[in-house]
Amino acid sequence: MDKSKETPASVNEVTYPSLKLKTQLLKKMKLRGINAALLSAMFLGMAPVFGKAAMGAERFSPLAVVAIRTSLAALLLVLFFAVVNRRALYIYPAALYMTMFAGAINGIGSIFYYIGLSKLNASVAQLLYSLYPFFVAFWLQLDRQPPSRLTLVRIGLAIFSVYFLTRGTTGAIDPLGAIFMLVAAALYALHLPINQRALYDVPPPTVTVYTLLAMSAIVVPAYFIFDGSAPGPSANWAPVLLLTGVTFFSRLTLFFGVKHIGGMQTALLGLAELIVAIVLSHLLLGDNFTWLQWIGIVGLGFSLLLVWFEKPPSNMPPTHGLLGWLQPPDFPKDFFKH
C-alpha cells in the first residue's frame, strides 16, 4: 500500500477539526464580546440619569459626584477580587503603565463629563457624548488601525440615527457645557485603544481594577483641590450609590467587550445607551416617542446588528502608530502567534 496516499487524509483529520474548533472559539468569543458591550451600554445609559439626579442645589457638586462614584467603584472592585480571585490583581509593569495611563486620561475626561452634564440637559449632553465612536475612529487612524468600510458605513448610519433620536428632546445648549462634553468624549475614546493594547494579554477584570484606581488618583485630588464642598443635609445619597453600581458593572463589561471585539466595535455598540436612556424616560417618566425617534431607533438598531459582519480585531498591535510607544521594546515578536 502506498503510504503517501494516506498522508492527505491524516492531515485533514488533524487540520479540519482544529480549524473548525478555532472558528467555533472565535464565534464564541465574538458573541461574548458583543454581549459584554451591550451590557456596558445598558449600564452607561443609566449614568446621566443618576448623575443629573445627584447634582444640584443642596446636593452634590460635579466634582464630588465623580470622586465618590469612581473611588467607591474602585474600592468595591479591589475588595471583590481580593476575596474571590486574588490573581486578578496581578499585573506586570508594562501593562500597569498602560492601564494607569488610560485611567488617568479617562479620569480627566470624567471630570469634563460631569461638569458638562451639570450645565446641559441630560439628553443633549448624552447626544454630544455619543459622538465618541468618531473620536475612537480618529485615534485608531492615527494609531495605524484604520476602520473598515463597513465600520465607516455603520458610523454614518449611527450619526443620522442619533440625530433623529434626539429630535424629540428639549433643552438649552450651554456652549461651555457642550465643549466640556466633546472633550470628555474625545478622552474617553482615547482610553479605549490604550487599554485594548493591555487587554491582549491581561484579563479584563485586572484592566478594570487598575484603570479605576488610576481614575480615582486623578478625580479625588481634583475634588479636594478645586472643590472640597460637602453636600447639604437634605442631599439624597441614593443616586450617587446607584451611579457607583452603574460604574462598577459598566467598566467591567466594557473591557470584556474591548478584549473580544476591539475598541471601535465596542464604541459603536455603546451607542445603544441612547436607546436605553430614551426607553427609560418612556417607561419611568411617561415620555412618548415621536416618529422621528422611531426612525432613529430602527436605524441605530440596524447599525448595531451589522456588528455580526465585522471582522475580529488584528492579533498584532501596530508598533509605529500613535500608541506604538506603549509596547515594550523587548516584547517577543512572535508572542501573539501563540
Protein backbone atom coordinates (compact mmCIF):
# COMPACT_ATOMS: atom_id res chain seq x y z
CA MET A 1 0.00 0.00 0.00
CA ASP A 2 1.24 3.44 -0.93
CA LYS A 3 1.51 5.32 2.36
CA SER A 4 1.82 8.64 0.57
CA LYS A 5 -1.85 8.42 -0.36
CA GLU A 6 -2.81 8.21 3.30
CA THR A 7 -0.99 11.39 4.22
CA PRO A 8 -3.62 13.88 2.99
CA ALA A 9 -6.35 12.02 4.86
CA SER A 10 -4.35 12.01 8.09
CA VAL A 11 -3.53 15.67 7.65
CA ASN A 12 -7.19 16.50 7.08
CA GLU A 13 -8.21 14.61 10.18
CA VAL A 14 -5.91 16.82 12.22
CA THR A 15 -6.30 20.11 10.33
CA TYR A 16 -10.03 20.38 9.69
CA PRO A 17 -11.18 19.63 13.25
CA SER A 18 -8.66 22.15 14.57
CA LEU A 19 -9.87 24.80 12.10
CA LYS A 20 -13.46 24.06 12.99
CA LEU A 21 -12.68 24.30 16.68
CA LYS A 22 -10.84 27.58 16.14
CA THR A 23 -13.79 29.00 14.18
CA GLN A 24 -16.22 27.97 16.89
CA LEU A 25 -13.98 29.51 19.54
CA LEU A 26 -13.74 32.80 17.60
CA LYS A 27 -17.52 32.94 17.22
CA LYS A 28 -17.98 32.24 20.92
CA MET A 29 -15.51 34.99 21.86
CA LYS A 30 -17.18 37.42 19.46
CA LEU A 31 -20.60 36.69 20.94
CA ARG A 32 -19.19 37.15 24.43
CA GLY A 33 -17.70 40.50 23.42
CA ILE A 34 -20.95 41.70 21.82
CA ASN A 35 -22.99 40.74 24.89
CA ALA A 36 -20.50 42.46 27.19
CA ALA A 37 -20.51 45.65 25.10
CA LEU A 38 -24.31 45.76 25.06
CA LEU A 39 -24.46 45.23 28.82
CA SER A 40 -21.97 48.04 29.27
CA ALA A 41 -24.13 50.29 27.10
CA MET A 42 -27.18 49.41 29.18
CA PHE A 43 -25.42 50.47 32.38
CA LEU A 44 -23.89 53.58 30.80
CA GLY A 45 -27.34 54.64 29.61
CA MET A 46 -28.34 54.98 33.26
CA ALA A 47 -25.32 57.12 34.20
CA PRO A 48 -26.58 60.55 33.02
CA VAL A 49 -29.95 59.97 34.72
CA PHE A 50 -28.40 59.13 38.10
CA GLY A 51 -25.68 61.76 37.68
CA LYS A 52 -28.17 64.51 36.93
CA ALA A 53 -30.32 63.43 39.89
CA ALA A 54 -27.32 63.58 42.23
CA MET A 55 -26.26 67.12 41.26
CA GLY A 56 -27.99 70.41 42.02
CA ALA A 57 -28.77 72.79 44.87
CA GLU A 58 -28.21 71.27 48.31
CA ARG A 59 -26.89 68.17 46.59
CA PHE A 60 -23.52 67.01 45.30
CA SER A 61 -21.21 69.11 43.16
CA PRO A 62 -19.99 67.63 39.84
CA LEU A 63 -16.51 67.01 41.25
CA ALA A 64 -17.97 65.38 44.36
CA VAL A 65 -20.11 63.06 42.24
CA VAL A 66 -17.24 61.90 40.04
CA ALA A 67 -14.88 61.50 43.02
CA ILE A 68 -17.33 59.49 45.13
CA ARG A 69 -18.62 57.19 42.39
CA THR A 70 -15.14 56.45 40.98
CA SER A 71 -13.38 55.83 44.28
CA LEU A 72 -16.21 53.69 45.66
CA ALA A 73 -16.38 51.61 42.47
CA ALA A 74 -12.59 51.08 42.55
CA LEU A 75 -12.72 50.10 46.22
CA LEU A 76 -15.53 47.62 45.57
CA LEU A 77 -13.59 46.02 42.74
CA VAL A 78 -10.41 45.65 44.80
CA LEU A 79 -12.29 44.14 47.74
CA PHE A 80 -14.29 41.84 45.49
CA PHE A 81 -11.25 40.36 43.74
CA ALA A 82 -9.22 40.26 46.96
CA VAL A 83 -11.84 37.87 48.32
CA VAL A 84 -12.93 35.98 45.18
CA ASN A 85 -9.86 35.88 42.92
CA ARG A 86 -6.63 37.47 44.11
CA ARG A 87 -4.83 36.51 40.92
CA ALA A 88 -6.94 39.11 39.11
CA LEU A 89 -4.94 41.77 40.98
CA TYR A 90 -1.64 40.64 39.46
CA ILE A 91 -0.31 42.70 36.56
CA TYR A 92 3.15 43.05 35.05
CA PRO A 93 4.79 46.53 34.91
CA ALA A 94 4.31 47.33 31.20
CA ALA A 95 0.57 46.57 31.35
CA LEU A 96 0.32 48.52 34.60
CA TYR A 97 1.74 51.61 32.88
CA MET A 98 -0.77 51.25 30.05
CA THR A 99 -3.80 50.85 32.32
CA MET A 100 -2.70 53.66 34.61
CA PHE A 101 -2.15 55.94 31.62
CA ALA A 102 -5.56 55.06 30.21
CA GLY A 103 -7.19 55.57 33.61
CA ALA A 104 -5.56 58.98 34.07
CA ILE A 105 -6.84 60.12 30.67
CA ASN A 106 -10.33 58.82 31.40
CA GLY A 107 -10.25 60.36 34.86
CA ILE A 108 -9.63 63.80 33.36
CA GLY A 109 -12.37 63.09 30.82
CA SER A 110 -14.85 62.13 33.54
CA ILE A 111 -14.27 65.49 35.25
CA PHE A 112 -15.16 67.24 31.99
CA TYR A 113 -18.17 64.92 31.61
CA TYR A 114 -19.84 65.71 34.93
CA ILE A 115 -19.13 69.42 34.75
CA GLY A 116 -20.62 69.44 31.26
CA LEU A 117 -23.58 67.35 32.43
CA SER A 118 -24.28 69.91 35.17
CA LYS A 119 -24.60 72.64 32.52
CA LEU A 120 -26.73 70.77 29.98
CA ASN A 121 -29.98 68.92 29.63
CA ALA A 122 -29.25 65.22 30.11
CA SER A 123 -30.46 64.26 26.63
CA VAL A 124 -28.40 66.98 24.93
CA ALA A 125 -25.35 66.00 26.99
CA GLN A 126 -25.78 62.36 26.02
CA LEU A 127 -26.11 63.31 22.35
CA LEU A 128 -22.78 65.16 22.41
CA TYR A 129 -21.07 62.41 24.38
CA SER A 130 -22.37 59.75 21.98
CA LEU A 131 -20.02 61.17 19.33
CA TYR A 132 -17.14 59.25 20.95
CA PRO A 133 -17.12 56.48 18.27
CA PHE A 134 -15.96 59.13 15.80
CA PHE A 135 -13.12 60.05 18.13
CA VAL A 136 -12.27 56.34 18.50
CA ALA A 137 -12.02 56.08 14.71
CA PHE A 138 -9.80 59.18 14.70
CA TRP A 139 -7.42 57.85 17.36
CA LEU A 140 -7.27 54.41 15.70
CA GLN A 141 -6.47 56.04 12.37
CA LEU A 142 -3.53 57.83 13.99
CA ASP A 143 -2.55 54.52 15.56
CA ARG A 144 -2.49 52.95 12.08
CA GLN A 145 -5.60 50.87 12.69
CA PRO A 146 -7.95 52.31 10.04
CA PRO A 147 -11.63 51.32 10.29
CA SER A 148 -13.12 49.00 7.68
CA ARG A 149 -15.58 50.19 5.05
CA LEU A 150 -18.39 48.50 6.93
CA THR A 151 -17.38 50.34 10.11
CA LEU A 152 -17.45 53.66 8.26
CA VAL A 153 -20.93 52.84 6.91
CA ARG A 154 -22.09 51.97 10.43
CA ILE A 155 -20.64 55.23 11.78
CA GLY A 156 -22.52 57.24 9.14
CA LEU A 157 -25.75 55.37 9.82
CA ALA A 158 -25.29 55.84 13.58
CA ILE A 159 -24.80 59.61 13.39
CA PHE A 160 -28.02 60.10 11.41
CA SER A 161 -29.84 57.78 13.83
CA VAL A 162 -28.54 59.73 16.83
CA TYR A 163 -29.77 62.94 15.22
CA PHE A 164 -33.28 61.55 14.80
CA LEU A 165 -33.27 60.04 18.29
CA THR A 166 -32.76 63.44 19.87
CA ARG A 167 -35.26 65.39 17.77
CA GLY A 168 -37.96 64.83 20.36
CA THR A 169 -35.90 66.21 23.22
CA THR A 170 -35.61 69.73 24.52
CA GLY A 171 -33.05 71.70 26.46
CA ALA A 172 -30.88 74.77 26.08
CA ILE A 173 -27.32 74.20 24.93
CA ASP A 174 -24.68 75.90 27.04
CA PRO A 175 -21.57 76.47 24.84
CA LEU A 176 -19.11 75.71 27.64
CA GLY A 177 -21.05 72.61 28.64
CA ALA A 178 -21.05 71.42 25.02
CA ILE A 179 -17.29 71.90 24.75
CA PHE A 180 -16.75 70.01 28.00
CA MET A 181 -18.85 67.06 26.76
CA LEU A 182 -16.91 66.89 23.50
CA VAL A 183 -13.59 66.93 25.37
CA ALA A 184 -14.92 64.15 27.63
CA ALA A 185 -15.95 62.12 24.57
CA ALA A 186 -12.52 62.54 22.96
CA LEU A 187 -10.66 61.48 26.12
CA TYR A 188 -12.99 58.54 26.75
CA ALA A 189 -12.40 57.44 23.16
CA LEU A 190 -8.60 57.68 23.58
CA HIS A 191 -8.51 55.46 26.64
CA LEU A 192 -10.19 52.57 24.74
CA PRO A 193 -7.36 51.84 22.24
CA ILE A 194 -4.78 52.32 25.00
CA ASN A 195 -6.41 49.66 27.15
CA GLN A 196 -7.00 47.50 24.08
CA ARG A 197 -3.22 47.06 23.95
CA ALA A 198 -3.12 45.96 27.59
CA LEU A 199 -6.04 43.57 27.00
CA TYR A 200 -4.07 41.48 24.50
CA ASP A 201 -2.57 39.51 27.38
CA VAL A 202 -4.20 40.87 30.56
CA PRO A 203 -7.68 39.78 31.76
CA PRO A 204 -10.46 42.42 31.60
CA PRO A 205 -11.08 42.41 35.39
CA THR A 206 -7.44 43.29 36.01
CA VAL A 207 -7.52 46.11 33.48
CA THR A 208 -10.75 47.40 35.04
CA VAL A 209 -9.29 47.47 38.56
CA TYR A 210 -6.16 49.44 37.68
CA THR A 211 -7.97 51.76 35.28
CA LEU A 212 -10.44 52.74 38.00
CA LEU A 213 -7.63 53.12 40.55
CA ALA A 214 -5.85 55.50 38.18
CA MET A 215 -9.08 57.41 37.61
CA SER A 216 -9.50 57.74 41.37
CA ALA A 217 -5.94 59.05 41.67
CA ILE A 218 -7.00 61.90 39.37
CA VAL A 219 -10.55 62.76 40.39
CA VAL A 220 -10.22 62.53 44.20
CA PRO A 221 -7.32 65.06 44.47
CA ALA A 222 -9.12 67.28 41.93
CA TYR A 223 -12.18 67.32 44.21
CA PHE A 224 -10.20 68.33 47.30
CA ILE A 225 -8.06 70.90 45.45
CA PHE A 226 -10.69 72.63 43.32
CA ASP A 227 -13.92 71.98 45.23
CA GLY A 228 -13.98 70.37 48.67
CA SER A 229 -17.64 71.29 49.17
CA ALA A 230 -19.82 68.96 51.22
CA PRO A 231 -23.38 68.05 50.19
CA GLY A 232 -26.24 69.70 52.03
CA PRO A 233 -28.10 67.93 54.84
CA SER A 234 -31.01 67.16 52.52
CA ALA A 235 -28.81 65.56 49.89
CA ASN A 236 -30.01 62.19 48.65
CA TRP A 237 -27.26 59.57 48.52
CA ALA A 238 -29.31 57.05 46.53
CA PRO A 239 -28.43 58.44 43.04
CA VAL A 240 -24.72 58.54 43.91
CA LEU A 241 -24.76 54.95 45.16
CA LEU A 242 -26.70 53.81 42.11
CA LEU A 243 -24.19 55.64 39.93
CA THR A 244 -21.41 53.76 41.73
CA GLY A 245 -23.08 50.45 40.90
CA VAL A 246 -23.51 51.50 37.29
CA THR A 247 -19.81 52.43 37.11
CA PHE A 248 -18.79 49.10 38.68
CA PHE A 249 -20.68 46.94 36.18
CA SER A 250 -20.29 49.13 33.10
CA ARG A 251 -16.50 49.26 33.41
CA LEU A 252 -16.18 45.53 33.96
CA THR A 253 -18.34 44.64 30.96
CA LEU A 254 -16.80 47.42 28.85
CA PHE A 255 -13.32 45.90 28.86
CA PHE A 256 -14.67 42.41 28.23
CA GLY A 257 -16.12 43.87 25.06
CA VAL A 258 -12.92 45.67 24.09
CA LYS A 259 -10.88 42.48 24.58
CA HIS A 260 -13.04 40.31 22.32
CA ILE A 261 -14.27 42.67 19.58
CA GLY A 262 -11.95 45.69 19.81
CA GLY A 263 -12.39 49.30 20.87
CA MET A 264 -14.10 50.51 17.69
CA GLN A 265 -16.87 47.91 17.68
CA THR A 266 -17.38 48.29 21.44
CA ALA A 267 -17.77 52.04 20.97
CA LEU A 268 -20.36 51.58 18.22
CA LEU A 269 -22.32 49.08 20.29
CA GLY A 270 -22.06 51.56 23.15
CA LEU A 271 -24.43 53.83 21.21
CA ALA A 272 -27.18 51.52 22.43
CA GLU A 273 -27.01 53.56 25.65
CA LEU A 274 -29.03 56.25 23.85
CA ILE A 275 -31.83 53.74 23.27
CA VAL A 276 -31.61 52.71 26.93
CA ALA A 277 -31.91 56.34 28.07
CA ILE A 278 -34.89 57.03 25.81
CA VAL A 279 -36.69 53.80 26.76
CA LEU A 280 -36.15 54.52 30.46
CA SER A 281 -37.57 58.01 30.02
CA HIS A 282 -40.58 56.45 28.27
CA LEU A 283 -41.17 53.84 30.98
CA LEU A 284 -40.31 55.89 34.07
CA LEU A 285 -41.20 59.43 33.02
CA GLY A 286 -44.06 58.72 30.60
CA ASP A 287 -42.33 60.32 27.59
CA ASN A 288 -43.73 59.27 24.23
CA PHE A 289 -41.68 58.51 21.13
CA THR A 290 -42.04 60.76 18.10
CA TRP A 291 -41.98 59.26 14.61
CA LEU A 292 -38.52 60.76 14.13
CA GLN A 293 -37.29 58.96 17.22
CA TRP A 294 -38.71 55.69 15.91
CA ILE A 295 -36.66 56.20 12.73
CA GLY A 296 -33.58 56.79 14.89
CA ILE A 297 -34.23 53.67 16.98
CA VAL A 298 -34.62 51.48 13.87
CA GLY A 299 -31.54 52.99 12.20
CA LEU A 300 -29.35 52.65 15.28
CA GLY A 301 -30.58 49.11 15.84
CA PHE A 302 -29.63 48.22 12.26
CA SER A 303 -26.18 49.75 12.78
CA LEU A 304 -25.73 47.63 15.91
CA LEU A 305 -26.82 44.42 14.15
CA LEU A 306 -24.20 44.91 11.43
CA VAL A 307 -21.54 44.10 14.02
CA TRP A 308 -22.09 40.42 13.13
CA PHE A 309 -20.44 41.07 9.76
CA GLU A 310 -17.38 42.81 11.18
CA LYS A 311 -14.04 41.02 11.16
CA PRO A 312 -12.30 40.41 14.50
CA PRO A 313 -9.55 42.87 15.52
CA SER A 314 -5.97 42.25 14.45
CA ASN A 315 -3.97 39.99 16.74
CA MET A 316 -0.82 42.08 16.47
CA PRO A 317 -0.88 45.67 17.77
CA PRO A 318 0.89 48.16 15.47
CA THR A 319 4.31 49.26 16.65
CA HIS A 320 4.66 52.51 14.69
CA GLY A 321 1.34 54.23 15.30
CA LEU A 322 0.30 56.91 17.76
CA LEU A 323 0.35 54.44 20.66
CA GLY A 324 3.20 52.24 19.43
CA TRP A 325 5.48 53.56 22.16
CA LEU A 326 3.35 51.77 24.75
CA GLN A 327 4.62 48.37 23.61
CA PRO A 328 7.79 47.30 25.45
CA PRO A 329 10.88 47.39 23.17
CA ASP A 330 11.88 43.83 24.12
CA PHE A 331 8.40 42.35 23.67
CA PRO A 332 8.60 38.97 21.82
CA LYS A 333 7.61 39.49 18.19
CA ASP A 334 6.01 36.04 17.94
CA PHE A 335 4.01 36.35 21.20
CA PHE A 336 0.64 36.92 19.54
CA LYS A 337 1.10 33.94 17.19
CA HIS A 338 0.57 31.65 20.16
